[in-house]
Protein backbone atom coordinates (compact mmCIF):
# COMPACT_ATOMS: atom_id res chain seq x y z
CA MET A 1 0.05 0.22 0.08
CA LYS A 2 0.93 3.63 -0.42
CA LYS A 3 1.84 6.08 2.14
CA LYS A 4 -1.43 7.93 1.36
CA GLU A 5 -3.76 5.01 1.87
CA TRP A 6 -2.16 4.04 5.25
CA ILE A 7 -2.76 7.76 6.22
CA ILE A 8 -6.33 7.57 4.82
CA LEU A 9 -6.77 4.27 6.71
CA ALA A 10 -5.51 5.41 10.08
CA VAL A 11 -7.51 8.73 9.72
CA ILE A 12 -10.60 6.48 9.35
CA ALA A 13 -9.68 4.24 12.18
CA VAL A 14 -9.08 7.55 14.59
CA LEU A 15 -12.46 8.72 13.34
CA ALA A 16 -14.54 5.79 13.98
CA ALA A 17 -12.96 5.54 17.50
CA ALA A 18 -13.71 8.95 18.55
CA PHE A 19 -17.54 7.92 17.31
CA LEU A 20 -17.67 4.98 19.40
CA LEU A 21 -16.43 6.66 22.51
CA TRP A 22 -18.55 9.96 21.77
CA THR A 23 -21.71 7.64 21.47
CA ASN A 24 -20.72 5.53 24.53
CA ARG A 25 -20.34 8.79 26.70
CA ASN A 26 -23.31 10.38 25.66
CA GLN A 27 -25.55 7.04 25.95
CA LYS A 28 -27.97 6.11 29.05
CA ALA A 29 -27.83 2.75 30.21
CA PRO A 30 -31.37 1.04 30.72
CA GLU A 31 -31.08 0.76 34.38
CA ASP A 32 -30.75 4.72 34.54
CA THR A 33 -34.32 5.13 32.33
CA GLU A 34 -35.75 2.39 34.17
CA PRO A 35 -39.07 3.36 36.25
CA VAL A 36 -38.75 1.95 39.85
CA PRO A 37 -41.78 -0.14 40.68
CA SER A 38 -43.81 1.12 43.62
CA GLU A 39 -46.01 -0.58 46.06
CA GLU A 40 -48.70 0.25 44.04
CA THR A 41 -48.09 -1.24 40.87
CA VAL A 42 -46.28 -4.59 41.89
CA PRO A 43 -48.34 -5.69 44.92
CA THR A 44 -47.48 -8.74 47.57
CA VAL A 45 -49.45 -11.64 45.98
CA SER A 46 -51.00 -14.25 48.18
CA PRO A 47 -50.12 -17.95 47.01
CA GLU A 48 -53.81 -18.08 45.96
CA ASP A 49 -53.87 -15.34 44.12
CA ALA A 50 -50.77 -15.97 41.85
CA GLN A 51 -52.38 -18.35 39.77
CA TYR A 52 -54.88 -14.98 38.53
CA MET A 53 -51.98 -12.64 37.84
CA VAL A 54 -50.05 -11.29 34.93
CA SER A 55 -46.90 -9.43 35.02
CA VAL A 56 -45.73 -6.73 32.79
CA VAL A 57 -42.14 -6.50 32.64
CA TYR A 58 -39.42 -3.46 31.56
CA HIS A 59 -35.89 -4.34 30.96
CA ASN A 60 -36.18 -7.47 33.06
CA ARG A 61 -37.91 -5.71 36.01
CA VAL A 62 -41.36 -6.05 37.01
CA VAL A 63 -43.48 -2.86 36.77
CA LEU A 64 -46.96 -3.97 37.11
CA THR A 65 -48.78 -7.14 38.22
CA PHE A 66 -52.54 -7.29 37.60
CA ASP A 67 -55.52 -9.72 38.43
CA TYR A 68 -56.92 -10.40 35.12
CA ARG A 69 -60.28 -11.19 36.68
CA GLU A 70 -60.78 -7.65 37.12
CA ASP A 71 -61.85 -5.47 34.33
CA ALA A 72 -59.31 -2.25 33.94
CA VAL A 73 -57.04 -0.40 32.06
CA TYR A 74 -53.34 0.13 32.52
CA HIS A 75 -50.63 2.39 31.55
CA VAL A 76 -46.87 1.34 31.30
CA ASP A 77 -44.01 3.37 30.21
CA GLY A 78 -41.74 2.15 27.78
CA ASP A 79 -38.71 3.27 25.43
CA SER A 80 -41.09 4.52 22.58
CA GLY A 81 -43.85 6.01 24.64
CA GLY A 82 -45.69 3.60 26.59
CA LEU A 83 -48.47 1.33 25.95
CA GLU A 84 -51.95 0.14 27.82
CA ILE A 85 -53.23 -2.63 28.44
CA GLU A 86 -56.70 -3.35 28.61
CA VAL A 87 -58.11 -6.18 30.85
CA LYS A 88 -61.73 -7.63 30.26
CA ASP A 89 -63.46 -10.78 30.73
CA ASN A 90 -60.43 -12.39 31.99
CA LYS A 91 -58.54 -11.82 28.73
CA TRP A 92 -55.96 -8.57 27.80
CA HIS A 93 -54.77 -6.83 25.01
CA VAL A 94 -52.51 -3.85 23.92
CA ILE A 95 -54.25 -0.47 22.98
CA ASN A 96 -52.58 2.95 22.35
CA GLU A 97 -48.99 1.47 22.21
CA LYS A 98 -46.55 4.19 20.83
CA CYS A 99 -44.43 2.26 18.81
CA PRO A 100 -43.56 2.35 15.12
CA ASN A 101 -44.82 -1.17 13.80
CA HIS A 102 -48.16 -1.76 16.22
CA ILE A 103 -47.53 -5.46 16.30
CA CYS A 104 -48.05 -5.62 20.43
CA ALA A 105 -51.42 -4.51 19.07
CA SER A 106 -52.10 -6.86 16.41
CA MET A 107 -51.41 -9.86 18.69
CA GLY A 108 -55.24 -9.34 19.72
CA TRP A 109 -56.56 -10.54 23.06
CA VAL A 110 -54.76 -12.93 25.17
CA ASP A 111 -55.75 -15.35 27.81
CA VAL A 112 -53.90 -17.46 30.79
CA ASN A 113 -53.62 -20.18 28.24
CA GLU A 114 -51.62 -18.67 25.87
CA ILE A 115 -47.78 -19.81 25.43
CA ILE A 116 -46.41 -16.52 23.86
CA PRO A 117 -45.91 -13.44 25.53
CA ILE A 118 -47.42 -10.02 24.26
CA THR A 119 -44.02 -8.46 23.02
CA CYS A 120 -43.53 -4.91 22.35
CA LEU A 121 -39.66 -4.77 21.68
CA PRO A 122 -39.86 -0.96 20.72
CA ASN A 123 -41.18 -0.49 24.19
CA GLY A 124 -39.00 -3.11 25.54
CA ILE A 125 -42.27 -4.52 27.20
CA PHE A 126 -43.14 -8.16 27.89
CA ILE A 127 -46.73 -9.39 29.25
CA TYR A 128 -47.36 -12.88 30.32
CA PRO A 129 -49.44 -14.72 32.78
CA GLY A 130 -47.58 -15.57 36.35
CA VAL A 131 -45.81 -13.59 38.85
CA GLU A 132 -42.22 -13.04 38.51
């Protein structure tokens, strides 16, 4: 290789390294932005009621637990703006989600017998039966 080619490669390598350092320095870790669960959203569940509970997980942390026997609407904040979960007639589904493809809403109504959890990857949220 010629001297000019080595210089160009060196400049590109330095710029790439500087860019990586800059993005890592200015990027917040998911742990810094996670909402802290409160006593109200993650209640202590008795063993008898645990079979009727659904967990909402955001970045590997349970942020909401709800009883699917009670009709309600819950809001959970996520990376892309969050979503709402409607619970009705022992089933639940996602409504009013703030994500680009709306795949989690297209999963439809889910009940306790479903194998695949509702997943919203842009928000980093998973909704599945059971208590963690």
